[in-house]
C-alpha atoms as a PDB file:
ATOM      1  CA  MET A   1      34.269  24.296  76.443  1.00  0.00           C
ATOM      2  CA  LYS A   2      32.376  21.402  78.031  1.00  0.00           C
ATOM      3  CA  ILE A   3      31.878  21.320  81.823  1.00  0.00           C
ATOM      4  CA  PHE A   4      31.567  17.853  83.380  1.00  0.00           C
ATOM      5  CA  PRO A   5      30.119  17.852  86.865  1.00  0.00           C
ATOM      6  CA  ALA A   6      31.340  14.645  88.543  1.00  0.00           C
ATOM      7  CA  ILE A   7      29.517  11.881  90.272  1.00  0.00           C
ATOM      8  CA  ASP A   8      31.594   9.214  92.006  1.00  0.00           C
ATOM      9  CA  ILE A   9      29.512   6.222  93.057  1.00  0.00           C
ATOM     10  CA  LYS A  10      30.393   3.942  95.998  1.00  0.00           C
ATOM     11  CA  ASP A  11      27.849   1.719  97.770  1.00  0.00           C
ATOM     12  CA  LYS A  12      25.096   3.415  95.725  1.00  0.00           C
ATOM     13  CA  LYS A  13      25.999   6.812  97.215  1.00  0.00           C
ATOM     14  CA  CYS A  14      27.712   9.948  95.900  1.00  0.00           C
ATOM     15  CA  VAL A  15      31.184  10.173  97.430  1.00  0.00           C
ATOM     16  CA  ARG A  16      34.376  12.150  96.968  1.00  0.00           C
ATOM     17  CA  LEU A  17      37.826  10.874  97.725  1.00  0.00           C
ATOM     18  CA  ILE A  18      40.959  12.870  98.630  1.00  0.00           C
ATOM     19  CA  LYS A  19      43.798  11.953  96.205  1.00  0.00           C
ATOM     20  CA  GLY A  20      41.927   8.777  95.315  1.00  0.00           C
ATOM     21  CA  ASP A  21      42.192   7.367  98.871  1.00  0.00           C
ATOM     22  CA  PHE A  22      39.266   5.036  99.684  1.00  0.00           C
ATOM     23  CA  ASP A  23      40.011   5.509 103.377  1.00  0.00           C
ATOM     24  CA  ASN A  24      39.671   9.269 103.006  1.00  0.00           C
ATOM     25  CA  LYS A  25      36.224   9.688 101.577  1.00  0.00           C
ATOM     26  CA  THR A  26      33.232  11.995 102.140  1.00  0.00           C
ATOM     27  CA  GLU A  27      29.706  10.639 101.588  1.00  0.00           C
ATOM     28  CA  TYR A  28      26.950  13.000 100.433  1.00  0.00           C
ATOM     29  CA  ASN A  29      23.223  12.667 101.170  1.00  0.00           C
ATOM     30  CA  MET A  30      22.037  12.983  97.619  1.00  0.00           C
ATOM     31  CA  SER A  31      21.716   9.834  95.602  1.00  0.00           C
ATOM     32  CA  PRO A  32      23.583   9.678  92.265  1.00  0.00           C
ATOM     33  CA  ILE A  33      20.274   9.887  90.373  1.00  0.00           C
ATOM     34  CA  GLU A  34      19.111  12.926  92.401  1.00  0.00           C
ATOM     35  CA  GLN A  35      22.481  14.558  91.807  1.00  0.00           C
ATOM     36  CA  ALA A  36      22.341  13.912  88.042  1.00  0.00           C
ATOM     37  CA  GLY A  37      18.848  15.423  88.016  1.00  0.00           C
ATOM     38  CA  LYS A  38      20.149  18.541  89.758  1.00  0.00           C
ATOM     39  CA  TYR A  39      22.863  18.941  87.142  1.00  0.00           C
ATOM     40  CA  LYS A  40      20.287  18.505  84.352  1.00  0.00           C
ATOM     41  CA  ASP A  41      18.008  21.097  85.937  1.00  0.00           C
ATOM     42  CA  HIS A  42      20.861  23.606  85.918  1.00  0.00           C
ATOM     43  CA  GLY A  43      21.415  23.142  82.156  1.00  0.00           C
ATOM     44  CA  PHE A  44      24.505  20.850  82.152  1.00  0.00           C
ATOM     45  CA  LYS A  45      24.712  18.568  79.149  1.00  0.00           C
ATOM     46  CA  ASN A  46      27.719  16.449  80.097  1.00  0.00           C
ATOM     47  CA  LEU A  47      28.446  14.271  83.092  1.00  0.00           C
ATOM     48  CA  HIS A  48      31.536  12.455  84.382  1.00  0.00           C
ATOM     49  CA  ILE A  49      30.782   9.312  86.332  1.00  0.00           C
ATOM     50  CA  VAL A  50      33.183   7.012  88.147  1.00  0.00           C
ATOM     51  CA  ASP A  51      32.046   3.643  89.435  1.00  0.00           C
ATOM     52  CA  LEU A  52      34.375   3.337  92.430  1.00  0.00           C
ATOM     53  CA  ASP A  53      33.008  -0.114  93.247  1.00  0.00           C
ATOM     54  CA  GLY A  54      33.894  -1.077  89.729  1.00  0.00           C
ATOM     55  CA  ALA A  55      37.409   0.338  90.160  1.00  0.00           C
ATOM     56  CA  LEU A  56      37.901  -1.977  93.114  1.00  0.00           C
ATOM     57  CA  THR A  57      36.258  -5.131  91.620  1.00  0.00           C
ATOM     58  CA  GLY A  58      36.676  -4.849  87.849  1.00  0.00           C
ATOM     59  CA  GLU A  59      32.923  -5.357  87.411  1.00  0.00           C
ATOM     60  CA  THR A  60      30.190  -3.010  86.163  1.00  0.00           C
ATOM     61  CA  VAL A  61      28.753  -2.823  89.685  1.00  0.00           C
ATOM     62  CA  ASN A  62      26.659   0.326  89.262  1.00  0.00           C
ATOM     63  CA  LEU A  63      25.475  -0.302  85.692  1.00  0.00           C
ATOM     64  CA  ASP A  64      21.788  -0.086  86.741  1.00  0.00           C
ATOM     65  CA  ILE A  65      22.263   3.342  88.353  1.00  0.00           C
ATOM     66  CA  ILE A  66      24.080   4.580  85.246  1.00  0.00           C
ATOM     67  CA  LYS A  67      21.372   3.186  82.969  1.00  0.00           C
ATOM     68  CA  ASP A  68      18.772   5.055  85.072  1.00  0.00           C
ATOM     69  CA  ILE A  69      20.652   8.290  84.765  1.00  0.00           C
ATOM     70  CA  VAL A  70      21.017   7.957  80.992  1.00  0.00           C
ATOM     71  CA  GLY A  71      17.353   6.982  80.577  1.00  0.00           C
ATOM     72  CA  LYS A  72      15.940   9.784  82.779  1.00  0.00           C
ATOM     73  CA  PHE A  73      18.096  12.752  81.883  1.00  0.00           C
ATOM     74  CA  ASN A  74      19.451  12.328  78.340  1.00  0.00           C
ATOM     75  CA  LEU A  75      22.880  13.626  79.434  1.00  0.00           C
ATOM     76  CA  LYS A  76      26.123  12.908  77.520  1.00  0.00           C
ATOM     77  CA  ILE A  77      27.930  10.697  79.991  1.00  0.00           C
ATOM     78  CA  GLU A  78      31.553   9.511  80.177  1.00  0.00           C
ATOM     79  CA  VAL A  79      32.010   6.655  82.592  1.00  0.00           C
ATOM     80  CA  GLY A  80      35.079   5.002  84.130  1.00  0.00           C
ATOM     81  CA  GLY A  81      36.074   2.736  86.894  1.00  0.00           C
ATOM     82  CA  GLY A  82      37.502  -0.762  86.552  1.00  0.00           C
ATOM     83  CA  ILE A  83      36.643  -1.283  82.868  1.00  0.00           C
ATOM     84  CA  ARG A  84      38.949  -4.186  81.902  1.00  0.00           C
ATOM     85  CA  ASN A  85      37.335  -5.970  78.981  1.00  0.00           C
ATOM     86  CA  SER A  86      35.270  -5.528  75.802  1.00  0.00           C
ATOM     87  CA  ASN A  87      32.235  -6.988  77.463  1.00  0.00           C
ATOM     88  CA  SER A  88      32.144  -4.175  80.032  1.00  0.00           C
ATOM     89  CA  ILE A  89      32.616  -1.557  77.309  1.00  0.00           C
ATOM     90  CA  GLN A  90      29.723  -3.073  75.327  1.00  0.00           C
ATOM     91  CA  LYS A  91      27.443  -2.999  78.399  1.00  0.00           C
ATOM     92  CA  TYR A  92      28.039   0.720  78.916  1.00  0.00           C
ATOM     93  CA  ILE A  93      27.610   1.533  75.220  1.00  0.00           C
ATOM     94  CA  ASP A  94      24.401  -0.458  75.206  1.00  0.00           C
ATOM     95  CA  ALA A  95      23.295   1.553  78.250  1.00  0.00           C
ATOM     96  CA  GLY A  96      23.700   4.725  76.153  1.00  0.00           C
ATOM     97  CA  VAL A  97      26.858   6.346  77.579  1.00  0.00           C
ATOM     98  CA  GLU A  98      28.758   8.604  75.212  1.00  0.00           C
ATOM     99  CA  LYS A  99      32.290   7.644  76.145  1.00  0.00           C
ATOM    100  CA  VAL A 100      33.835   4.740  78.040  1.00  0.00           C
ATOM    101  CA  ILE A 101      37.027   5.620  79.988  1.00  0.00           C
ATOM    102  CA  LEU A 102      39.837   3.107  80.000  1.00  0.00           C
ATOM    103  CA  GLY A 103      42.556   3.621  82.600  1.00  0.00           C
ATOM    104  CA  SER A 104      44.641   1.001  84.352  1.00  0.00           C
ATOM    105  CA  ALA A 105      43.757  -1.790  81.869  1.00  0.00           C
ATOM    106  CA  ALA A 106      44.859   0.384  78.929  1.00  0.00           C
ATOM    107  CA  ILE A 107      48.119   1.315  80.657  1.00  0.00           C
ATOM    108  CA  LYS A 108      48.933  -2.301  81.514  1.00  0.00           C
ATOM    109  CA  ASP A 109      47.981  -3.584  78.091  1.00  0.00           C
ATOM    110  CA  LYS A 110      48.315  -1.174  75.148  1.00  0.00           C
ATOM    111  CA  ASN A 111      46.839  -3.790  72.796  1.00  0.00           C
ATOM    112  CA  PHE A 112      43.581  -3.788  74.745  1.00  0.00           C
ATOM    113  CA  LEU A 113      43.379  -0.026  74.217  1.00  0.00           C
ATOM    114  CA  LYS A 114      44.140  -0.334  70.514  1.00  0.00           C
ATOM    115  CA  GLU A 115      41.596  -3.105  69.973  1.00  0.00           C
ATOM    116  CA  ALA A 116      38.942  -1.211  71.970  1.00  0.00           C
ATOM    117  CA  CYS A 117      39.450   1.903  69.789  1.00  0.00           C
ATOM    118  CA  GLU A 118      39.101  -0.191  66.671  1.00  0.00           C
ATOM    119  CA  LYS A 119      36.054  -2.100  67.878  1.00  0.00           C
ATOM    120  CA  PHE A 120      34.256   0.925  69.376  1.00  0.00           C
ATOM    121  CA  PRO A 121      35.214   3.925  67.215  1.00  0.00           C
ATOM    122  CA  ASN A 122      34.754   7.336  68.769  1.00  0.00           C
ATOM    123  CA  LYS A 123      33.607   5.758  72.056  1.00  0.00           C
ATOM    124  CA  ILE A 124      36.837   5.253  73.906  1.00  0.00           C
ATOM    125  CA  ALA A 125      38.316   7.878  76.262  1.00  0.00           C
ATOM    126  CA  LEU A 126      41.728   7.319  77.829  1.00  0.00           C
ATOM    127  CA  GLY A 127      42.135   8.243  81.476  1.00  0.00           C
ATOM    128  CA  LEU A 128      45.680   9.176  82.395  1.00  0.00           C
ATOM    129  CA  ASP A 129      46.156   9.634  86.153  1.00  0.00           C
ATOM    130  CA  ALA A 130      49.539  10.882  87.053  1.00  0.00           C
ATOM    131  CA  LYS A 131      51.624  11.629  90.093  1.00  0.00           C
ATOM    132  CA  ASP A 132      54.889  13.550  89.736  1.00  0.00           C
ATOM    133  CA  GLY A 133      54.932  12.808  85.980  1.00  0.00           C
ATOM    134  CA  TYR A 134      54.430   9.028  86.269  1.00  0.00           C
ATOM    135  CA  LEU A 135      51.196   7.191  85.547  1.00  0.00           C
ATOM    136  CA  SER A 136      49.369   5.512  88.429  1.00  0.00           C
ATOM    137  CA  ILE A 137      47.203   2.395  88.083  1.00  0.00           C
ATOM    138  CA  SER A 138      44.902   0.116  90.104  1.00  0.00           C
ATOM    139  CA  GLY A 139      42.813   2.814  91.734  1.00  0.00           C
ATOM    140  CA  TRP A 140      45.986   4.951  92.114  1.00  0.00           C
ATOM    141  CA  LYS A 141      47.463   2.409  94.489  1.00  0.00           C
ATOM    142  CA  GLU A 142      50.390   1.520  92.149  1.00  0.00           C
ATOM    143  CA  ASN A 143      52.946   3.512  90.242  1.00  0.00           C
ATOM    144  CA  SER A 144      53.290   2.092  86.732  1.00  0.00           C
ATOM    145  CA  ASN A 145      56.874   3.391  86.349  1.00  0.00           C
ATOM    146  CA  GLN A 146      55.810   4.910  83.000  1.00  0.00           C
ATOM    147  CA  LEU A 147      56.211   8.576  82.270  1.00  0.00           C
ATOM    148  CA  THR A 148      52.903  10.022  81.150  1.00  0.00           C
ATOM    149  CA  LEU A 149      54.243  11.742  78.088  1.00  0.00           C
ATOM    150  CA  ASP A 150      56.188   8.670  76.948  1.00  0.00           C
ATOM    151  CA  TYR A 151      53.141   6.457  77.241  1.00  0.00           C
ATOM    152  CA  LEU A 152      50.967   8.974  75.361  1.00  0.00           C
ATOM    153  CA  LYS A 153      53.441   9.144  72.476  1.00  0.00           C
ATOM    154  CA  GLU A 154      53.266   5.404  72.161  1.00  0.00           C
ATOM    155  CA  VAL A 155      49.431   5.212  71.984  1.00  0.00           C
ATOM    156  CA  ASN A 156      48.751   8.562  70.280  1.00  0.00           C
ATOM    157  CA  ASN A 157      47.721   7.063  66.933  1.00  0.00           C
ATOM    158  CA  TYR A 158      45.459   4.320  68.344  1.00  0.00           C
ATOM    159  CA  GLY A 159      42.277   6.270  67.725  1.00  0.00           C
ATOM    160  CA  VAL A 160      41.393   7.397  71.270  1.00  0.00           C
ATOM    161  CA  SER A 161      38.612   9.983  70.995  1.00  0.00           C
ATOM    162  CA  ARG A 162      39.192  11.856  74.242  1.00  0.00           C
ATOM    163  CA  LEU A 163      41.920  12.074  76.868  1.00  0.00           C
ATOM    164  CA  ILE A 164      41.168  12.766  80.578  1.00  0.00           C
ATOM    165  CA  TYR A 165      44.248  13.928  82.437  1.00  0.00           C
ATOM    166  CA  THR A 166      44.247  13.923  86.263  1.00  0.00           C
ATOM    167  CA  ASP A 167      47.014  15.150  88.526  1.00  0.00           C
ATOM    168  CA  ILE A 168      46.512  12.897  91.557  1.00  0.00           C
ATOM    169  CA  ASN A 169      48.254  15.298  93.876  1.00  0.00           C
ATOM    170  CA  ARG A 170      45.562  17.856  93.132  1.00  0.00           C
ATOM    171  CA  ASP A 171      42.522  15.613  93.116  1.00  0.00           C
ATOM    172  CA  GLY A 172      40.029  16.518  95.827  1.00  0.00           C
ATOM    173  CA  MET A 173      42.360  19.143  97.169  1.00  0.00           C
ATOM    174  CA  LYS A 174      40.748  22.185  95.576  1.00  0.00           C
ATOM    175  CA  GLN A 175      44.138  23.735  94.878  1.00  0.00           C
ATOM    176  CA  SER A 176      43.543  24.367  91.134  1.00  0.00           C
ATOM    177  CA  PRO A 177      44.456  21.862  88.417  1.00  0.00           C
ATOM    178  CA  ASN A 178      48.022  21.342  87.194  1.00  0.00           C
ATOM    179  CA  PHE A 179      47.549  23.533  84.134  1.00  0.00           C
ATOM    180  CA  ASP A 180      51.280  23.381  83.134  1.00  0.00           C
ATOM    181  CA  GLU A 181      51.409  19.607  82.941  1.00  0.00           C
ATOM    182  CA  THR A 182      47.968  19.394  81.372  1.00  0.00           C
ATOM    183  CA  SER A 183      49.122  21.819  78.647  1.00  0.00           C
ATOM    184  CA  ARG A 184      52.108  19.636  77.956  1.00  0.00           C
ATOM    185  CA  VAL A 185      49.827  16.653  77.577  1.00  0.00           C
ATOM    186  CA  ALA A 186      47.384  18.577  75.365  1.00  0.00           C
ATOM    187  CA  GLU A 187      50.276  19.769  73.165  1.00  0.00           C
ATOM    188  CA  ILE A 188      51.230  16.284  72.060  1.00  0.00           C
ATOM    189  CA  SER A 189      47.806  14.585  72.311  1.00  0.00           C
ATOM    190  CA  SER A 190      46.169  13.751  68.983  1.00  0.00           C
ATOM    191  CA  CYS A 191      42.744  13.945  70.593  1.00  0.00           C
ATOM    192  CA  PRO A 192      41.154  16.716  72.755  1.00  0.00           C
ATOM    193  CA  VAL A 193      41.884  16.701  76.498  1.00  0.00           C
ATOM    194  CA  ILE A 194      39.671  17.029  79.591  1.00  0.00           C
ATOM    195  CA  ILE A 195      41.250  18.636  82.656  1.00  0.00           C
ATOM    196  CA  SER A 196      40.600  16.824  85.935  1.00  0.00           C
ATOM    197  CA  GLY A 197      41.672  17.202  89.576  1.00  0.00           C
ATOM    198  CA  GLY A 198      41.735  20.201  91.856  1.00  0.00           C
ATOM    199  CA  VAL A 199      39.226  22.628  90.413  1.00  0.00           C
ATOM    200  CA  SER A 200      38.549  25.161  93.147  1.00  0.00           C
ATOM    201  CA  SER A 201      36.847  28.221  91.607  1.00  0.00           C
ATOM    202  CA  ILE A 202      35.262  29.705  88.528  1.00  0.00           C
ATOM    203  CA  ASN A 203      38.658  31.223  87.772  1.00  0.00           C
ATOM    204  CA  ASP A 204      40.016  27.712  87.073  1.00  0.00           C
ATOM    205  CA  ILE A 205      37.214  27.277  84.499  1.00  0.00           C
ATOM    206  CA  LYS A 206      38.092  30.582  82.835  1.00  0.00           C
ATOM    207  CA  LYS A 207      41.799  29.695  82.709  1.00  0.00           C
ATOM    208  CA  ALA A 208      41.029  26.295  81.168  1.00  0.00           C
ATOM    209  CA  LYS A 209      39.165  28.079  78.385  1.00  0.00           C
ATOM    210  CA  SER A 210      42.319  29.883  77.342  1.00  0.00           C
ATOM    211  CA  LEU A 211      44.342  26.690  76.746  1.00  0.00           C
ATOM    212  CA  ASN A 212      44.772  24.855  73.431  1.00  0.00           C
ATOM    213  CA  ASN A 213      43.327  21.405  72.620  1.00  0.00           C
ATOM    214  CA  ILE A 214      41.199  21.419  75.795  1.00  0.00           C
ATOM    215  CA  GLU A 215      37.728  20.011  75.265  1.00  0.00           C
ATOM    216  CA  GLY A 216      36.445  20.414  78.810  1.00  0.00           C
ATOM    217  CA  ILE A 217      36.963  20.288  82.569  1.00  0.00           C
ATOM    218  CA  ILE A 218      35.678  18.060  85.361  1.00  0.00           C
ATOM    219  CA  VAL A 219      34.335  19.660  88.559  1.00  0.00           C
ATOM    220  CA  GLY A 220      33.687  17.551  91.618  1.00  0.00           C
ATOM    221  CA  LYS A 221      34.425  18.311  95.243  1.00  0.00           C
ATOM    222  CA  ALA A 222      34.162  22.140  94.780  1.00  0.00           C
ATOM    223  CA  ILE A 223      30.480  21.670  93.805  1.00  0.00           C
ATOM    224  CA  TYR A 224      29.669  19.330  96.671  1.00  0.00           C
ATOM    225  CA  ASP A 225      31.375  21.494  99.253  1.00  0.00           C
ATOM    226  CA  GLY A 226      29.702  24.672  97.941  1.00  0.00           C
ATOM    227  CA  ASP A 227      32.870  26.416  96.834  1.00  0.00           C
ATOM    228  CA  ILE A 228      31.389  26.686  93.311  1.00  0.00           C
ATOM    229  CA  LYS A 229      27.679  27.381  92.935  1.00  0.00           C
ATOM    230  CA  LEU A 230      25.975  25.461  90.121  1.00  0.00           C
ATOM    231  CA  GLU A 231      24.293  28.650  88.945  1.00  0.00           C
ATOM    232  CA  ASP A 232      27.697  30.290  88.409  1.00  0.00           C
ATOM    233  CA  LEU A 233      29.209  27.204  86.876  1.00  0.00           C
ATOM    234  CA  ALA A 234      26.274  26.860  84.435  1.00  0.00           C
ATOM    235  CA  MET A 235      27.020  30.385  83.116  1.00  0.00           C
ATOM    236  CA  GLU A 236      30.353  29.086  81.878  1.00  0.00           C
ATOM    237  CA  ILE A 237      28.779  26.520  79.591  1.00  0.00           C
ATOM    238  CA  ASN A 238      29.160  27.366  75.944  1.00  0.00           C
END
């Protein structure tokens, strides 16, 4: 199972948000490039990056930082945050990222998702961020009024190569992921699923390994706050 340490970039710094709230953020001293280097040094091969400035503006604000990370460390990177058109997808692919994550734009416009999957085969990941079973959009500020499972059934044959499922109520809370709901998503998803939101301990990693159709897990705040040591997490890579 793949382990994706997370880097959320805001104002060129590593930050973590609580439940996606921009007013409830923690800034960390290490730069995104230094943090990526630390992950590389510990043997991690995959990385999850969110451009929070991009999520707010719809532009590839931190493209240069992401290019630097790809160029220096040769990590397999999935990147998301405000990617709303083919031009932005192309920029990230040209920069060398492995997967481009589409979220709000794909939920608002299924055709955009379908066309992106056709134009960029095996490059598109779908980010489904849910609260109480309903998808949220626009940096988690809006409820889309769409049930997660209903939406997934509609787009399941579009050719998405990876699905990232986040339970917003758990994100940044370190209360363990919502394994039950993630399992329901993984059961019907035609592509492998990444678990996101709430990882609190190595036990969460071990539990994720026992589930079907799970490709990996994203770990963020628990690393930054020292609840999970990188040395211990690295031992779970396989």
